[in-house]
C-alpha atoms as a PDB file:
ATOM      1  CA  MET A   1     -10.091  -0.300  35.717  1.00  0.00           C
ATOM      2  CA  THR A   2     -11.949   0.301  38.997  1.00  0.00           C
ATOM      3  CA  LYS A   3     -14.577   2.961  38.487  1.00  0.00           C
ATOM      4  CA  ASP A   4     -15.250   5.761  40.892  1.00  0.00           C
ATOM      5  CA  LYS A   5     -18.342   5.491  43.079  1.00  0.00           C
ATOM      6  CA  GLU A   6     -19.903   8.009  40.762  1.00  0.00           C
ATOM      7  CA  GLU A   7     -20.419   6.316  37.399  1.00  0.00           C
ATOM      8  CA  VAL A   8     -19.218   8.275  34.369  1.00  0.00           C
ATOM      9  CA  ASP A   9     -22.308   9.291  32.427  1.00  0.00           C
ATOM     10  CA  PHE A  10     -20.975   9.122  28.877  1.00  0.00           C
ATOM     11  CA  LYS A  11     -24.482   9.666  27.560  1.00  0.00           C
ATOM     12  CA  ALA A  12     -24.708  13.013  29.315  1.00  0.00           C
ATOM     13  CA  ASN A  13     -26.022  15.957  27.401  1.00  0.00           C
ATOM     14  CA  LYS A  14     -23.747  18.413  25.711  1.00  0.00           C
ATOM     15  CA  ASN A  15     -23.747  20.965  28.534  1.00  0.00           C
ATOM     16  CA  ASP A  16     -22.903  18.458  31.269  1.00  0.00           C
ATOM     17  CA  LEU A  17     -20.316  16.334  29.442  1.00  0.00           C
ATOM     18  CA  ALA A  18     -17.264  18.481  30.140  1.00  0.00           C
ATOM     19  CA  ALA A  19     -17.911  18.712  33.869  1.00  0.00           C
ATOM     20  CA  THR A  20     -18.670  14.981  34.109  1.00  0.00           C
ATOM     21  CA  VAL A  21     -15.446  14.019  32.383  1.00  0.00           C
ATOM     22  CA  ALA A  22     -13.314  16.460  34.336  1.00  0.00           C
ATOM     23  CA  ARG A  23     -14.795  15.259  37.650  1.00  0.00           C
ATOM     24  CA  SER A  24     -14.936  11.505  37.102  1.00  0.00           C
ATOM     25  CA  VAL A  25     -12.199  10.689  34.611  1.00  0.00           C
ATOM     26  CA  LEU A  26      -9.537  13.312  35.171  1.00  0.00           C
ATOM     27  CA  GLY A  27     -10.200  14.048  38.809  1.00  0.00           C
ATOM     28  CA  ALA A  28     -11.677  17.544  38.557  1.00  0.00           C
ATOM     29  CA  VAL A  29      -8.717  19.318  36.958  1.00  0.00           C
ATOM     30  CA  PRO A  30     -10.169  22.837  36.475  1.00  0.00           C
ATOM     31  CA  VAL A  31      -8.165  23.787  33.371  1.00  0.00           C
ATOM     32  CA  VAL A  32      -9.237  20.587  31.626  1.00  0.00           C
ATOM     33  CA  GLY A  33     -12.858  21.198  32.508  1.00  0.00           C
ATOM     34  CA  ALA A  34     -12.729  24.649  30.917  1.00  0.00           C
ATOM     35  CA  ALA A  35     -11.012  23.338  27.806  1.00  0.00           C
ATOM     36  CA  LEU A  36     -13.505  20.518  27.404  1.00  0.00           C
ATOM     37  CA  THR A  37     -16.411  22.899  27.763  1.00  0.00           C
ATOM     38  CA  GLU A  38     -15.030  25.012  24.941  1.00  0.00           C
ATOM     39  CA  VAL A  39     -14.446  21.967  22.741  1.00  0.00           C
ATOM     40  CA  VAL A  40     -17.831  20.390  23.341  1.00  0.00           C
ATOM     41  CA  ASN A  41     -19.906  23.556  23.131  1.00  0.00           C
ATOM     42  CA  SER A  42     -18.077  25.542  20.457  1.00  0.00           C
ATOM     43  CA  ILE A  43     -16.007  23.279  18.220  1.00  0.00           C
ATOM     44  CA  ILE A  44     -17.387  19.762  18.045  1.00  0.00           C
ATOM     45  CA  PRO A  45     -20.630  19.432  16.046  1.00  0.00           C
ATOM     46  CA  ASN A  46     -23.619  17.933  17.873  1.00  0.00           C
ATOM     47  CA  GLN A  47     -23.662  14.863  15.647  1.00  0.00           C
ATOM     48  CA  ARG A  48     -20.074  14.052  16.609  1.00  0.00           C
ATOM     49  CA  ILE A  49     -20.355  14.285  20.373  1.00  0.00           C
ATOM     50  CA  ASP A  50     -20.669  10.501  20.431  1.00  0.00           C
ATOM     51  CA  ARG A  51     -17.080  10.282  19.151  1.00  0.00           C
ATOM     52  CA  VAL A  52     -15.889  12.101  22.276  1.00  0.00           C
ATOM     53  CA  ASN A  53     -17.917   9.686  24.418  1.00  0.00           C
ATOM     54  CA  LEU A  54     -16.381   6.670  22.668  1.00  0.00           C
ATOM     55  CA  TYR A  55     -12.872   8.104  22.939  1.00  0.00           C
ATOM     56  CA  LEU A  56     -13.193   8.770  26.664  1.00  0.00           C
ATOM     57  CA  GLU A  57     -14.761   5.369  27.334  1.00  0.00           C
ATOM     58  CA  LYS A  58     -11.953   3.607  25.500  1.00  0.00           C
ATOM     59  CA  LEU A  59      -9.216   5.684  27.101  1.00  0.00           C
ATOM     60  CA  GLN A  60     -10.656   5.259  30.583  1.00  0.00           C
ATOM     61  CA  SER A  61     -10.719   1.471  30.207  1.00  0.00           C
ATOM     62  CA  LEU A  62      -6.990   1.287  29.427  1.00  0.00           C
ATOM     63  CA  PHE A  63      -5.713   2.624  32.766  1.00  0.00           C
ATOM     64  CA  SER A  64      -6.286   1.809  36.407  1.00  0.00           C
ATOM     65  CA  GLU A  65      -7.613   4.324  38.923  1.00  0.00           C
ATOM     66  CA  LYS A  66      -4.139   4.576  40.438  1.00  0.00           C
ATOM     67  CA  GLU A  67      -2.677   5.363  37.033  1.00  0.00           C
ATOM     68  CA  TRP A  68      -5.295   8.059  36.419  1.00  0.00           C
ATOM     69  CA  GLN A  69      -4.314   9.678  39.709  1.00  0.00           C
ATOM     70  CA  ALA A  70      -0.709   9.804  38.456  1.00  0.00           C
ATOM     71  CA  ILE A  71      -1.675  11.090  35.014  1.00  0.00           C
ATOM     72  CA  LYS A  72      -3.716  14.043  36.306  1.00  0.00           C
ATOM     73  CA  LYS A  73      -0.641  15.397  38.108  1.00  0.00           C
ATOM     74  CA  LEU A  74       1.297  15.748  34.847  1.00  0.00           C
ATOM     75  CA  PRO A  75       0.208  18.808  32.810  1.00  0.00           C
ATOM     76  CA  GLU A  76       1.810  17.489  29.601  1.00  0.00           C
ATOM     77  CA  LYS A  77      -0.174  14.241  29.899  1.00  0.00           C
ATOM     78  CA  VAL A  78      -3.412  16.107  30.555  1.00  0.00           C
ATOM     79  CA  ALA A  79      -2.737  18.264  27.492  1.00  0.00           C
ATOM     80  CA  MET A  80      -2.241  15.089  25.474  1.00  0.00           C
ATOM     81  CA  ILE A  81      -5.672  13.812  26.545  1.00  0.00           C
ATOM     82  CA  GLU A  82      -7.206  17.147  25.565  1.00  0.00           C
ATOM     83  CA  GLU A  83      -5.635  16.908  22.111  1.00  0.00           C
ATOM     84  CA  GLY A  84      -7.154  13.456  21.722  1.00  0.00           C
ATOM     85  CA  ILE A  85     -10.571  14.920  22.526  1.00  0.00           C
ATOM     86  CA  TYR A  86     -10.176  17.442  19.721  1.00  0.00           C
ATOM     87  CA  ALA A  87      -9.123  14.708  17.309  1.00  0.00           C
ATOM     88  CA  ALA A  88     -11.956  12.353  18.299  1.00  0.00           C
ATOM     89  CA  GLY A  89     -14.574  15.087  18.106  1.00  0.00           C
ATOM     90  CA  LEU A  90     -13.456  16.283  14.703  1.00  0.00           C
ATOM     91  CA  THR A  91     -12.902  12.950  12.978  1.00  0.00           C
ATOM     92  CA  PRO A  92     -15.699  12.274  10.477  1.00  0.00           C
ATOM     93  CA  TYR A  93     -15.638   8.510  11.038  1.00  0.00           C
ATOM     94  CA  LYS A  94     -16.619   6.765  14.261  1.00  0.00           C
ATOM     95  CA  GLU A  95     -14.472   3.693  13.522  1.00  0.00           C
ATOM     96  CA  ARG A  96     -11.302   5.796  13.753  1.00  0.00           C
ATOM     97  CA  VAL A  97     -11.904   6.777  17.375  1.00  0.00           C
ATOM     98  CA  ASP A  98     -10.256   3.635  18.789  1.00  0.00           C
ATOM     99  CA  ARG A  99      -7.068   4.470  16.892  1.00  0.00           C
ATOM    100  CA  ILE A 100      -7.048   7.940  18.424  1.00  0.00           C
ATOM    101  CA  ALA A 101      -7.510   6.486  21.906  1.00  0.00           C
ATOM    102  CA  TYR A 102      -4.659   4.022  21.309  1.00  0.00           C
ATOM    103  CA  VAL A 103      -2.333   6.781  20.078  1.00  0.00           C
ATOM    104  CA  ILE A 104      -3.020   8.783  23.242  1.00  0.00           C
ATOM    105  CA  ALA A 105      -2.747   5.730  25.522  1.00  0.00           C
ATOM    106  CA  ASN A 106       0.596   4.786  24.005  1.00  0.00           C
ATOM    107  CA  GLY A 107       1.716   8.389  24.326  1.00  0.00           C
ATOM    108  CA  LEU A 108       0.673   8.537  27.979  1.00  0.00           C
ATOM    109  CA  SER A 109       2.670   5.402  28.715  1.00  0.00           C
ATOM    110  CA  GLN A 110       5.873   6.808  27.213  1.00  0.00           C
ATOM    111  CA  GLU A 111       8.158   8.651  29.555  1.00  0.00           C
ATOM    112  CA  GLN A 112       8.943  11.332  27.004  1.00  0.00           C
ATOM    113  CA  ILE A 113       7.242  12.123  23.723  1.00  0.00           C
ATOM    114  CA  ARG A 114       7.227  15.454  21.960  1.00  0.00           C
ATOM    115  CA  ALA A 115       3.911  17.251  21.723  1.00  0.00           C
ATOM    116  CA  ASP A 116       4.406  17.972  18.016  1.00  0.00           C
ATOM    117  CA  LYS A 117       4.915  14.259  17.346  1.00  0.00           C
ATOM    118  CA  ILE A 118       1.628  13.386  19.061  1.00  0.00           C
ATOM    119  CA  SER A 119      -0.079  16.048  16.943  1.00  0.00           C
ATOM    120  CA  LYS A 120       1.289  14.491  13.745  1.00  0.00           C
ATOM    121  CA  LEU A 121       0.313  10.984  14.857  1.00  0.00           C
ATOM    122  CA  LEU A 122      -3.224  12.076  15.741  1.00  0.00           C
ATOM    123  CA  PHE A 123      -3.634  13.959  12.482  1.00  0.00           C
ATOM    124  CA  ALA A 124      -2.671  10.814  10.575  1.00  0.00           C
ATOM    125  CA  ALA A 125      -4.812   8.504  12.725  1.00  0.00           C
ATOM    126  CA  LYS A 126      -7.971  10.502  12.106  1.00  0.00           C
ATOM    127  CA  ASN A 127      -7.317  10.999   8.401  1.00  0.00           C
ATOM    128  CA  ILE A 128      -6.548   7.502   7.154  1.00  0.00           C
ATOM    129  CA  SER A 129      -9.031   4.736   6.450  1.00  0.00           C
ATOM    130  CA  ASP A 130      -8.770   1.017   7.148  1.00  0.00           C
ATOM    131  CA  PHE A 131      -7.935   0.671   3.456  1.00  0.00           C
ATOM    132  CA  ASP A 132      -5.030   3.112   3.878  1.00  0.00           C
ATOM    133  CA  VAL A 133      -3.771   1.212   6.934  1.00  0.00           C
ATOM    134  CA  ILE A 134      -3.539  -2.019   4.942  1.00  0.00           C
ATOM    135  CA  ILE A 135      -1.668  -0.243   2.141  1.00  0.00           C
ATOM    136  CA  LEU A 136       0.724   1.217   4.712  1.00  0.00           C
ATOM    137  CA  GLU A 137       1.242  -2.191   6.354  1.00  0.00           C
ATOM    138  CA  SER A 138       2.193  -3.667   2.985  1.00  0.00           C
ATOM    139  CA  TYR A 139       4.872  -1.005   2.541  1.00  0.00           C
ATOM    140  CA  ARG A 140       6.187  -1.686   6.008  1.00  0.00           C
ATOM    141  CA  LEU A 141       7.050  -5.196   4.824  1.00  0.00           C
ATOM    142  CA  TRP A 142       8.499  -3.965   1.548  1.00  0.00           C
ATOM    143  CA  ASP A 143      12.268  -3.526   1.339  1.00  0.00           C
ATOM    144  CA  ASN A 144      14.872  -3.091  -1.363  1.00  0.00           C
ATOM    145  CA  ASN A 145      15.575  -6.788  -1.559  1.00  0.00           C
ATOM    146  CA  ALA A 146      13.917  -9.979  -2.714  1.00  0.00           C
ATOM    147  CA  GLU A 147      12.913 -11.058   0.809  1.00  0.00           C
ATOM    148  CA  GLY A 148      11.047  -7.815   1.516  1.00  0.00           C
ATOM    149  CA  TYR A 149       9.320  -8.029  -1.830  1.00  0.00           C
ATOM    150  CA  GLU A 150       8.229 -11.620  -1.180  1.00  0.00           C
ATOM    151  CA  LEU A 151       6.855 -10.684   2.256  1.00  0.00           C
ATOM    152  CA  ALA A 152       4.897  -7.760   0.817  1.00  0.00           C
ATOM    153  CA  LEU A 153       3.634  -9.910  -2.045  1.00  0.00           C
ATOM    154  CA  ALA A 154       2.414 -12.617   0.358  1.00  0.00           C
ATOM    155  CA  PHE A 155       0.675  -9.954   2.477  1.00  0.00           C
ATOM    156  CA  ARG A 156      -1.062  -8.485  -0.558  1.00  0.00           C
ATOM    157  CA  LYS A 157      -2.287 -11.911  -1.615  1.00  0.00           C
ATOM    158  CA  GLU A 158      -4.041 -12.113   1.760  1.00  0.00           C
ATOM    159  CA  HIS A 159      -6.088  -9.064   0.719  1.00  0.00           C
ATOM    160  CA  PRO A 160      -7.561  -9.890  -2.707  1.00  0.00           C
ATOM    161  CA  GLU A 161     -10.264  -7.270  -2.132  1.00  0.00           C
ATOM    162  CA  ILE A 162      -7.509  -4.650  -2.467  1.00  0.00           C
ATOM    163  CA  TRP A 163      -5.098  -6.404  -4.806  1.00  0.00           C
ATOM    164  CA  PRO A 164      -7.255  -8.692  -6.981  1.00  0.00           C
ATOM    165  CA  SER A 165      -5.658 -10.870  -9.634  1.00  0.00           C
ATOM    166  CA  ILE A 166      -6.661 -11.029 -13.269  1.00  0.00           C
ATOM    167  CA  ASP A 167      -8.267 -14.153 -14.677  1.00  0.00           C
ATOM    168  CA  HIS A 168      -5.468 -15.532 -16.844  1.00  0.00           C
ATOM    169  CA  SER A 169      -7.629 -18.221 -18.430  1.00  0.00           C
ATOM    170  CA  PHE A 170      -7.550 -16.110 -21.610  1.00  0.00           C
ATOM    171  CA  PHE A 171      -4.395 -18.030 -22.481  1.00  0.00           C
ATOM    172  CA  ASP A 172      -6.632 -21.050 -23.078  1.00  0.00           C
ATOM    173  CA  ASP A 173      -8.126 -21.596 -26.516  1.00  0.00           C
ATOM    174  CA  ASP A 174     -11.672 -21.433 -25.194  1.00  0.00           C
ATOM    175  CA  TYR A 175     -11.293 -18.583 -22.689  1.00  0.00           C
ATOM    176  CA  ASP A 176     -14.322 -16.578 -21.620  1.00  0.00           C
ATOM    177  CA  LYS A 177     -13.900 -13.074 -23.038  1.00  0.00           C
ATOM    178  CA  GLU A 178     -16.584 -11.577 -20.807  1.00  0.00           C
ATOM    179  CA  ALA A 179     -15.089 -13.122 -17.673  1.00  0.00           C
ATOM    180  CA  TYR A 180     -11.679 -11.751 -18.580  1.00  0.00           C
ATOM    181  CA  LYS A 181     -13.119  -8.303 -19.330  1.00  0.00           C
ATOM    182  CA  LYS A 182     -14.887  -8.176 -15.981  1.00  0.00           C
ATOM    183  CA  SER A 183     -11.778  -9.407 -14.193  1.00  0.00           C
ATOM    184  CA  LYS A 184      -9.691  -6.735 -15.913  1.00  0.00           C
ATOM    185  CA  GLU A 185     -12.168  -3.986 -14.993  1.00  0.00           C
ATOM    186  CA  ILE A 186     -12.084  -5.013 -11.319  1.00  0.00           C
ATOM    187  CA  TYR A 187      -8.294  -5.146 -11.410  1.00  0.00           C
ATOM    188  CA  ASP A 188      -7.955  -1.725 -13.040  1.00  0.00           C
ATOM    189  CA  LYS A 189     -10.380  -0.138 -10.556  1.00  0.00           C
ATOM    190  CA  ALA A 190      -8.445  -1.684  -7.657  1.00  0.00           C
ATOM    191  CA  GLN A 191      -5.205  -0.308  -9.078  1.00  0.00           C
ATOM    192  CA  GLU A 192      -6.746   3.164  -9.217  1.00  0.00           C
ATOM    193  CA  ASP A 193      -7.922   2.885  -5.596  1.00  0.00           C
ATOM    194  CA  VAL A 194      -4.477   1.771  -4.437  1.00  0.00           C
ATOM    195  CA  ALA A 195      -2.803   4.594  -6.361  1.00  0.00           C
ATOM    196  CA  SER A 196      -5.204   7.100  -4.785  1.00  0.00           C
ATOM    197  CA  SER A 197      -4.401   5.741  -1.319  1.00  0.00           C
ATOM    198  CA  GLU A 198      -0.673   5.924  -2.009  1.00  0.00           C
ATOM    199  CA  ARG A 199      -0.977   9.578  -3.023  1.00  0.00           C
ATOM    200  CA  HIS A 200      -3.023  10.303   0.117  1.00  0.00           C
ATOM    201  CA  LEU A 201      -0.482   8.573   2.371  1.00  0.00           C
ATOM    202  CA  THR A 202       2.289  10.500   0.656  1.00  0.00           C
ATOM    203  CA  SER A 203       0.482  13.797   1.308  1.00  0.00           C
ATOM    204  CA  LEU A 204       0.459  12.865   5.014  1.00  0.00           C
ATOM    205  CA  ALA A 205       4.207  12.062   4.886  1.00  0.00           C
ATOM    206  CA  LEU A 206       3.533   8.405   5.740  1.00  0.00           C
ATOM    207  CA  LEU A 207       4.914   7.254   2.382  1.00  0.00           C
ATOM    208  CA  ARG A 208       7.620   8.855   0.263  1.00  0.00           C
ATOM    209  CA  PRO A 209       8.225   8.617  -3.490  1.00  0.00           C
ATOM    210  CA  TYR A 210      11.023   6.256  -4.414  1.00  0.00           C
ATOM    211  CA  LYS A 211      12.734   6.188  -7.788  1.00  0.00           C
ATOM    212  CA  SER A 212      13.632   2.752  -9.041  1.00  0.00           C
ATOM    213  CA  THR A 213      15.191   1.359 -12.183  1.00  0.00           C
ATOM    214  CA  SER A 214      14.389  -2.250 -11.310  1.00  0.00           C
ATOM    215  CA  ILE A 215      11.464  -4.565 -11.818  1.00  0.00           C
ATOM    216  CA  PHE A 216      10.276  -7.411  -9.632  1.00  0.00           C
ATOM    217  CA  ILE A 217       9.392 -10.698 -11.231  1.00  0.00           C
ATOM    218  CA  ASP A 218       6.608 -12.897  -9.935  1.00  0.00           C
ATOM    219  CA  LYS A 219       7.666 -16.546 -10.201  1.00  0.00           C
ATOM    220  CA  LYS A 220       4.244 -17.369 -11.660  1.00  0.00           C
ATOM    221  CA  GLN A 221       4.320 -14.544 -14.154  1.00  0.00           C
ATOM    222  CA  SER A 222       3.741 -15.480 -17.782  1.00  0.00           C
ATOM    223  CA  VAL A 223       6.242 -14.726 -20.527  1.00  0.00           C
ATOM    224  CA  ASP A 224       3.855 -12.179 -22.019  1.00  0.00           C
ATOM    225  CA  GLY A 225       3.474 -10.561 -18.630  1.00  0.00           C
ATOM    226  CA  LEU A 226       7.230 -10.316 -18.200  1.00  0.00           C
ATOM    227  CA  ILE A 227       7.617  -8.778 -21.662  1.00  0.00           C
ATOM    228  CA  LYS A 228       5.040  -6.134 -20.752  1.00  0.00           C
ATOM    229  CA  GLU A 229       6.962  -5.321 -17.573  1.00  0.00           C
ATOM    230  CA  ILE A 230      10.162  -4.877 -19.557  1.00  0.00           C
ATOM    231  CA  GLU A 231       8.359  -2.684 -22.080  1.00  0.00           C
ATOM    232  CA  LYS A 232       7.052  -0.470 -19.287  1.00  0.00           C
ATOM    233  CA  LEU A 233      10.550  -0.203 -17.840  1.00  0.00           C
ATOM    234  CA  ASN A 234      11.977   0.768 -21.210  1.00  0.00           C
ATOM    235  CA  ALA A 235       9.261   3.385 -21.654  1.00  0.00           C
ATOM    236  CA  SER A 236      10.072   4.948 -18.296  1.00  0.00           C
ATOM    237  CA  ILE A 237      13.406   3.805 -16.865  1.00  0.00           C
ATOM    238  CA  ALA A 238      12.919   5.727 -13.644  1.00  0.00           C
ATOM    239  CA  LYS A 239       9.455   4.706 -12.559  1.00  0.00           C
ATOM    240  CA  GLU A 240       8.011   6.022  -9.315  1.00  0.00           C
ATOM    241  CA  GLU A 241       7.432   3.702  -6.404  1.00  0.00           C
ATOM    242  CA  TYR A 242       6.912   4.334  -2.695  1.00  0.00           C
ATOM    243  CA  ARG A 243       8.580   3.503   0.593  1.00  0.00           C
ATOM    244  CA  ILE A 244       7.238   3.910   4.111  1.00  0.00           C
ATOM    245  CA  THR A 245       8.605   6.800   6.198  1.00  0.00           C
ATOM    246  CA  GLY A 246       9.639   6.859   9.839  1.00  0.00           C
ATOM    247  CA  LEU A 247       6.390   8.665  10.630  1.00  0.00           C
ATOM    248  CA  GLY A 248       4.461   5.937   8.781  1.00  0.00           C
ATOM    249  CA  ILE A 249       6.053   3.244  10.941  1.00  0.00           C
ATOM    250  CA  ALA A 250       5.365   5.262  14.105  1.00  0.00           C
ATOM    251  CA  VAL A 251       1.705   5.706  13.159  1.00  0.00           C
ATOM    252  CA  LEU A 252       1.243   1.957  12.663  1.00  0.00           C
ATOM    253  CA  ASP A 253       2.911   1.242  16.016  1.00  0.00           C
ATOM    254  CA  MET A 254       1.015   3.892  17.981  1.00  0.00           C
ATOM    255  CA  MET A 255      -2.406   2.951  16.544  1.00  0.00           C
ATOM    256  CA  LYS A 256      -2.137  -0.581  17.926  1.00  0.00           C
ATOM    257  CA  LYS A 257      -3.886  -1.461  21.161  1.00  0.00           C
ATOM    258  CA  PRO A 258      -1.304  -0.975  23.904  1.00  0.00           C
ATOM    259  CA  THR A 259      -0.239  -3.938  25.992  1.00  0.00           C
ATOM    260  CA  GLY A 260       1.392  -3.750  29.390  1.00  0.00           C
ATOM    261  CA  ILE A 261       1.128   0.035  29.592  1.00  0.00           C
ATOM    262  CA  ASN A 262       2.287   1.667  32.804  1.00  0.00           C
ATOM    263  CA  VAL A 263       2.425   5.346  33.689  1.00  0.00           C
ATOM    264  CA  LEU A 264       3.495   4.917  37.302  1.00  0.00           C
END
């Protein structure tokens, strides 16, 4: 993007930030300047002002000067940018700011997108961690068939830090009990973390509970392991699983860095 002659001072102090952004990024739109002043001075904590700076820097870099001139003439687009400022300023984690900028950039490039949908997407983007995103991606691959299961399984094997395997050497006569115990502890803790993430994603309506009466069999699973799976199924025929929602898919799509965006 070609910058204005006047460089945007993203390190400006709290009192000057709103006016600087309104003048240099959004072309001095008075209503935006007033809104930004309120956000910066009254709502966003001092320690999070850097999130607003990062958001605006990222967003500015994604559009040309000509595109910004077109955007500022559309009140609904300007309102969308404002909503992103709120989200960026209130998110507790700096690393989530890029996602917020991408959601807004993708929204700006769409001819029509409902304001309430952007609000839901932003709320999700600022409230899920990188860990949650990986969990959500795995469910995007999952489907009610063997192919979807295999794809999700392969994806999860690429992330052993989230889905570690248990050391199965205990089947050997001389297995290391301590190694197995440690492996099992790591596995159980990982399972708890995944379950916590799944509940969180469900609370955000990105996953939904799914009742199943089936079990999936890993080709490398031991006989003992298979028996345990069958026992669990018998104990609770309708076990709870999860499936990704339409909103979950939209969040994953909108949080990706936009390519070939055009608002003209």
